[in-house]
Amino acid sequence: MSNTENFILIQRAKGRDPEAFTELMNLYMKDMYRTAVAILMNDADAADAIQETILACWERLSSLRDNKLFKTWMTRILINKCHDIRNQRIETVDISEHEELAFHEDESNLELKEALEQLDEKYRLPIMMFYGDGYSTKEIAAILNTPVSTIQTRLSRGREQLGRYFDIGKE
């Protein structure tokens, strides 16, 4: 979909057109899912975060000042919702009990799941956003409110850790 078509959808959604808003959310559903799973490492919690994000976006859409920043705005809301859910979960349940990841259960994806679980969130989230969602380092920095150089460092360190994980696994 072109930027012009996206802009029109956003304008229509701001005008409280539910069909335009639904189409807009469907456009970004895969990106939201990958981001939520990167943070929560659990399909059910990711679905809850996405649902809460969609509701918050609908309620707050009029507060979006620059339509070009819609995806960044929506992703920031999603990340905040994920952190809220994770914090609630930590208060009630041991986080180690949740080991689901949104990859199909084949051997290579299980290995990737295990590798990603070993990464701290500060590395896992930028890696998933960069490689999974196609965000640039500048976009990730804006979404996470972090300097670009920090994102570049986290991507580099995350790749190093993944490389070490896979080298150890092959020995």
C-alpha atoms as a PDB file:
ATOM      1  CA  MET A   1       0.000   0.000   0.000  1.00  0.00           C
ATOM      2  CA  SER A   2       1.331   3.437  -0.917  1.00  0.00           C
ATOM      3  CA  ASN A   3       1.965   6.251   1.528  1.00  0.00           C
ATOM      4  CA  THR A   4      -0.892   8.211  -0.048  1.00  0.00           C
ATOM      5  CA  GLU A   5      -3.327   5.335   0.495  1.00  0.00           C
ATOM      6  CA  ASN A   6      -2.051   4.968   4.060  1.00  0.00           C
ATOM      7  CA  PHE A   7      -2.515   8.686   4.656  1.00  0.00           C
ATOM      8  CA  ILE A   8      -6.088   8.505   3.363  1.00  0.00           C
ATOM      9  CA  LEU A   9      -6.853   5.531   5.628  1.00  0.00           C
ATOM     10  CA  ILE A  10      -5.452   7.379   8.627  1.00  0.00           C
ATOM     11  CA  GLN A  11      -7.495  10.470   7.791  1.00  0.00           C
ATOM     12  CA  ARG A  12     -10.658   8.398   7.433  1.00  0.00           C
ATOM     13  CA  ALA A  13      -9.919   6.577  10.703  1.00  0.00           C
ATOM     14  CA  LYS A  14      -9.395   9.917  12.451  1.00  0.00           C
ATOM     15  CA  GLY A  15     -12.844  10.808  11.163  1.00  0.00           C
ATOM     16  CA  ARG A  16     -14.102   7.807  13.181  1.00  0.00           C
ATOM     17  CA  ASP A  17     -14.569   5.498  10.149  1.00  0.00           C
ATOM     18  CA  PRO A  18     -14.460   2.006  11.708  1.00  0.00           C
ATOM     19  CA  GLU A  19     -13.833   0.262   8.371  1.00  0.00           C
ATOM     20  CA  ALA A  20     -10.795   2.445   7.644  1.00  0.00           C
ATOM     21  CA  PHE A  21      -9.478   1.868  11.158  1.00  0.00           C
ATOM     22  CA  THR A  22      -9.948  -1.899  10.841  1.00  0.00           C
ATOM     23  CA  GLU A  23      -8.116  -1.927   7.514  1.00  0.00           C
ATOM     24  CA  LEU A  24      -5.310   0.135   9.038  1.00  0.00           C
ATOM     25  CA  MET A  25      -4.943  -2.246  11.972  1.00  0.00           C
ATOM     26  CA  ASN A  26      -4.947  -5.248   9.627  1.00  0.00           C
ATOM     27  CA  LEU A  27      -2.096  -3.675   7.658  1.00  0.00           C
ATOM     28  CA  TYR A  28       0.091  -3.576  10.764  1.00  0.00           C
ATOM     29  CA  MET A  29      -1.105  -6.746  12.513  1.00  0.00           C
ATOM     30  CA  LYS A  30       1.955  -8.880  11.661  1.00  0.00           C
ATOM     31  CA  ASP A  31       4.328  -6.134  12.781  1.00  0.00           C
ATOM     32  CA  MET A  32       2.432  -5.688  16.047  1.00  0.00           C
ATOM     33  CA  TYR A  33       2.438  -9.439  16.634  1.00  0.00           C
ATOM     34  CA  ARG A  34       6.188  -9.808  16.094  1.00  0.00           C
ATOM     35  CA  THR A  35       6.919  -6.871  18.393  1.00  0.00           C
ATOM     36  CA  ALA A  36       4.598  -8.120  21.141  1.00  0.00           C
ATOM     37  CA  VAL A  37       6.037 -11.640  21.012  1.00  0.00           C
ATOM     38  CA  ALA A  38       9.583 -10.258  21.127  1.00  0.00           C
ATOM     39  CA  ILE A  39       8.739  -8.593  24.429  1.00  0.00           C
ATOM     40  CA  LEU A  40       6.326 -11.046  26.024  1.00  0.00           C
ATOM     41  CA  MET A  41       7.569 -14.358  24.562  1.00  0.00           C
ATOM     42  CA  ASN A  42       4.017 -15.682  24.798  1.00  0.00           C
ATOM     43  CA  ASP A  43       1.193 -15.827  22.230  1.00  0.00           C
ATOM     44  CA  ALA A  44      -1.679 -15.269  24.669  1.00  0.00           C
ATOM     45  CA  ASP A  45      -0.111 -12.211  26.274  1.00  0.00           C
ATOM     46  CA  ALA A  46       0.878 -10.866  22.846  1.00  0.00           C
ATOM     47  CA  ALA A  47      -2.748 -11.171  21.707  1.00  0.00           C
ATOM     48  CA  ASP A  48      -3.895  -9.307  24.836  1.00  0.00           C
ATOM     49  CA  ALA A  49      -1.345  -6.537  24.231  1.00  0.00           C
ATOM     50  CA  ILE A  50      -2.433  -6.187  20.606  1.00  0.00           C
ATOM     51  CA  GLN A  51      -6.091  -6.045  21.597  1.00  0.00           C
ATOM     52  CA  GLU A  52      -5.388  -3.360  24.195  1.00  0.00           C
ATOM     53  CA  THR A  53      -3.267  -1.447  21.677  1.00  0.00           C
ATOM     54  CA  ILE A  54      -6.022  -1.476  19.066  1.00  0.00           C
ATOM     55  CA  LEU A  55      -8.505  -0.137  21.609  1.00  0.00           C
ATOM     56  CA  ALA A  56      -6.077   2.550  22.806  1.00  0.00           C
ATOM     57  CA  CYS A  57      -5.307   3.582  19.227  1.00  0.00           C
ATOM     58  CA  TRP A  58      -9.006   3.927  18.429  1.00  0.00           C
ATOM     59  CA  GLU A  59      -9.609   5.983  21.559  1.00  0.00           C
ATOM     60  CA  ARG A  60      -6.547   8.221  21.102  1.00  0.00           C
ATOM     61  CA  LEU A  61      -6.362   8.513  17.301  1.00  0.00           C
ATOM     62  CA  SER A  62      -7.359  12.172  17.431  1.00  0.00           C
ATOM     63  CA  SER A  63      -4.189  12.880  19.447  1.00  0.00           C
ATOM     64  CA  LEU A  64      -1.924  11.739  16.570  1.00  0.00           C
ATOM     65  CA  ARG A  65      -0.461  14.986  15.243  1.00  0.00           C
ATOM     66  CA  ASP A  66       1.581  13.730  12.285  1.00  0.00           C
ATOM     67  CA  ASN A  67      -0.024  11.006  10.176  1.00  0.00           C
ATOM     68  CA  LYS A  68       3.395   9.995   8.822  1.00  0.00           C
ATOM     69  CA  LEU A  69       4.283   8.827  12.331  1.00  0.00           C
ATOM     70  CA  PHE A  70       1.247   6.563  12.745  1.00  0.00           C
ATOM     71  CA  LYS A  71       3.215   3.293  12.773  1.00  0.00           C
ATOM     72  CA  THR A  72       5.752   4.676  15.252  1.00  0.00           C
ATOM     73  CA  TRP A  73       2.965   6.032  17.458  1.00  0.00           C
ATOM     74  CA  MET A  74       1.066   2.728  17.363  1.00  0.00           C
ATOM     75  CA  THR A  75       4.222   0.695  18.080  1.00  0.00           C
ATOM     76  CA  ARG A  76       5.073   2.876  21.089  1.00  0.00           C
ATOM     77  CA  ILE A  77       1.579   2.260  22.491  1.00  0.00           C
ATOM     78  CA  LEU A  78       2.033  -1.482  21.886  1.00  0.00           C
ATOM     79  CA  ILE A  79       5.390  -1.557  23.669  1.00  0.00           C
ATOM     80  CA  ASN A  80       3.888   0.245  26.668  1.00  0.00           C
ATOM     81  CA  LYS A  81       0.969  -2.223  26.763  1.00  0.00           C
ATOM     82  CA  CYS A  82       3.425  -5.141  26.586  1.00  0.00           C
ATOM     83  CA  HIS A  83       5.417  -3.750  29.490  1.00  0.00           C
ATOM     84  CA  ASP A  84       2.204  -3.279  31.490  1.00  0.00           C
ATOM     85  CA  ILE A  85       1.200  -6.904  30.850  1.00  0.00           C
ATOM     86  CA  ARG A  86       4.678  -8.197  31.665  1.00  0.00           C
ATOM     87  CA  ASN A  87       4.773  -6.219  34.901  1.00  0.00           C
ATOM     88  CA  GLN A  88       1.357  -7.576  35.911  1.00  0.00           C
ATOM     89  CA  ARG A  89       2.481 -11.097  35.050  1.00  0.00           C
ATOM     90  CA  ILE A  90       5.681 -10.752  37.070  1.00  0.00           C
ATOM     91  CA  GLU A  91       3.615  -9.723  40.079  1.00  0.00           C
ATOM     92  CA  THR A  92       1.418 -12.831  39.829  1.00  0.00           C
ATOM     93  CA  VAL A  93       3.364 -15.593  38.053  1.00  0.00           C
ATOM     94  CA  ASP A  94       6.964 -16.683  37.731  1.00  0.00           C
ATOM     95  CA  ILE A  95       8.078 -15.615  34.255  1.00  0.00           C
ATOM     96  CA  SER A  96       9.931 -18.903  33.651  1.00  0.00           C
ATOM     97  CA  GLU A  97       6.581 -20.710  33.439  1.00  0.00           C
ATOM     98  CA  HIS A  98       5.881 -19.011  30.077  1.00  0.00           C
ATOM     99  CA  GLU A  99       8.010 -20.449  27.318  1.00  0.00           C
ATOM    100  CA  GLU A 100       5.759 -20.112  24.273  1.00  0.00           C
ATOM    101  CA  LEU A 101       7.039 -18.251  21.224  1.00  0.00           C
ATOM    102  CA  ALA A 102       5.163 -17.418  18.071  1.00  0.00           C
ATOM    103  CA  PHE A 103       7.224 -19.576  15.746  1.00  0.00           C
ATOM    104  CA  HIS A 104       5.998 -22.796  14.222  1.00  0.00           C
ATOM    105  CA  GLU A 105       7.237 -25.779  16.132  1.00  0.00           C
ATOM    106  CA  ASP A 106       9.816 -27.048  13.667  1.00  0.00           C
ATOM    107  CA  GLU A 107      13.375 -27.842  14.674  1.00  0.00           C
ATOM    108  CA  SER A 108      15.060 -24.716  13.284  1.00  0.00           C
ATOM    109  CA  ASN A 109      12.459 -22.409  14.792  1.00  0.00           C
ATOM    110  CA  LEU A 110      12.744 -24.144  18.163  1.00  0.00           C
ATOM    111  CA  GLU A 111      16.461 -23.468  18.073  1.00  0.00           C
ATOM    112  CA  LEU A 112      15.819 -19.821  17.150  1.00  0.00           C
ATOM    113  CA  LYS A 113      13.234 -19.585  19.935  1.00  0.00           C
ATOM    114  CA  GLU A 114      15.755 -20.880  22.446  1.00  0.00           C
ATOM    115  CA  ALA A 115      18.400 -18.473  21.181  1.00  0.00           C
ATOM    116  CA  LEU A 116      16.065 -15.481  21.373  1.00  0.00           C
ATOM    117  CA  GLU A 117      14.955 -16.463  24.877  1.00  0.00           C
ATOM    118  CA  GLN A 118      18.595 -16.245  25.959  1.00  0.00           C
ATOM    119  CA  LEU A 119      18.789 -12.602  24.900  1.00  0.00           C
ATOM    120  CA  ASP A 120      17.930  -9.832  27.290  1.00  0.00           C
ATOM    121  CA  GLU A 121      14.898  -7.832  26.099  1.00  0.00           C
ATOM    122  CA  LYS A 122      17.094  -4.798  25.404  1.00  0.00           C
ATOM    123  CA  TYR A 123      18.778  -6.881  22.663  1.00  0.00           C
ATOM    124  CA  ARG A 124      15.854  -9.103  21.640  1.00  0.00           C
ATOM    125  CA  LEU A 125      13.407  -6.265  20.923  1.00  0.00           C
ATOM    126  CA  PRO A 126      15.672  -4.282  18.549  1.00  0.00           C
ATOM    127  CA  ILE A 127      16.652  -7.507  16.759  1.00  0.00           C
ATOM    128  CA  MET A 128      13.012  -8.492  16.251  1.00  0.00           C
ATOM    129  CA  MET A 129      12.072  -4.968  15.167  1.00  0.00           C
ATOM    130  CA  PHE A 130      15.035  -4.702  12.769  1.00  0.00           C
ATOM    131  CA  TYR A 131      14.963  -8.171  11.215  1.00  0.00           C
ATOM    132  CA  GLY A 132      11.345  -9.149  11.781  1.00  0.00           C
ATOM    133  CA  ASP A 133       9.496  -5.875  11.255  1.00  0.00           C
ATOM    134  CA  GLY A 134      11.948  -4.124   8.944  1.00  0.00           C
ATOM    135  CA  TYR A 135      12.343  -0.983  11.044  1.00  0.00           C
ATOM    136  CA  SER A 136      15.482   1.081  10.494  1.00  0.00           C
ATOM    137  CA  THR A 137      17.786   1.809  13.430  1.00  0.00           C
ATOM    138  CA  LYS A 138      16.535   5.409  13.377  1.00  0.00           C
ATOM    139  CA  GLU A 139      12.894   4.261  13.606  1.00  0.00           C
ATOM    140  CA  ILE A 140      13.688   1.813  16.417  1.00  0.00           C
ATOM    141  CA  ALA A 141      15.514   4.579  18.284  1.00  0.00           C
ATOM    142  CA  ALA A 142      12.479   6.856  17.959  1.00  0.00           C
ATOM    143  CA  ILE A 143      10.048   4.168  19.084  1.00  0.00           C
ATOM    144  CA  LEU A 144      12.150   3.111  22.062  1.00  0.00           C
ATOM    145  CA  ASN A 145      13.177   6.695  22.870  1.00  0.00           C
ATOM    146  CA  THR A 146      16.813   5.637  22.753  1.00  0.00           C
ATOM    147  CA  PRO A 147      19.791   7.123  20.873  1.00  0.00           C
ATOM    148  CA  VAL A 148      20.503   5.591  17.444  1.00  0.00           C
ATOM    149  CA  SER A 149      24.028   4.673  18.549  1.00  0.00           C
ATOM    150  CA  THR A 150      22.572   2.679  21.473  1.00  0.00           C
ATOM    151  CA  ILE A 151      20.276   0.771  19.099  1.00  0.00           C
ATOM    152  CA  GLN A 152      23.225   0.035  16.798  1.00  0.00           C
ATOM    153  CA  THR A 153      25.216  -1.236  19.777  1.00  0.00           C
ATOM    154  CA  ARG A 154      22.325  -3.399  20.994  1.00  0.00           C
ATOM    155  CA  LEU A 155      21.858  -4.882  17.525  1.00  0.00           C
ATOM    156  CA  SER A 156      25.559  -5.647  17.323  1.00  0.00           C
ATOM    157  CA  ARG A 157      25.712  -7.194  20.795  1.00  0.00           C
ATOM    158  CA  GLY A 158      22.500  -9.132  20.181  1.00  0.00           C
ATOM    159  CA  ARG A 159      23.945 -10.569  16.954  1.00  0.00           C
ATOM    160  CA  GLU A 160      27.158 -11.452  18.796  1.00  0.00           C
ATOM    161  CA  GLN A 161      25.210 -13.255  21.510  1.00  0.00           C
ATOM    162  CA  LEU A 162      23.151 -15.128  18.916  1.00  0.00           C
ATOM    163  CA  GLY A 163      26.345 -16.047  17.082  1.00  0.00           C
ATOM    164  CA  ARG A 164      27.892 -17.400  20.281  1.00  0.00           C
ATOM    165  CA  TYR A 165      24.719 -19.323  21.045  1.00  0.00           C
ATOM    166  CA  PHE A 166      24.705 -21.023  17.654  1.00  0.00           C
ATOM    167  CA  ASP A 167      28.471 -21.716  17.717  1.00  0.00           C
ATOM    168  CA  ILE A 168      28.142 -23.386  21.130  1.00  0.00           C
ATOM    169  CA  GLY A 169      25.144 -25.380  19.920  1.00  0.00           C
ATOM    170  CA  LYS A 170      27.139 -26.844  16.992  1.00  0.00           C
ATOM    171  CA  GLU A 171      30.090 -28.110  19.011  1.00  0.00           C
END
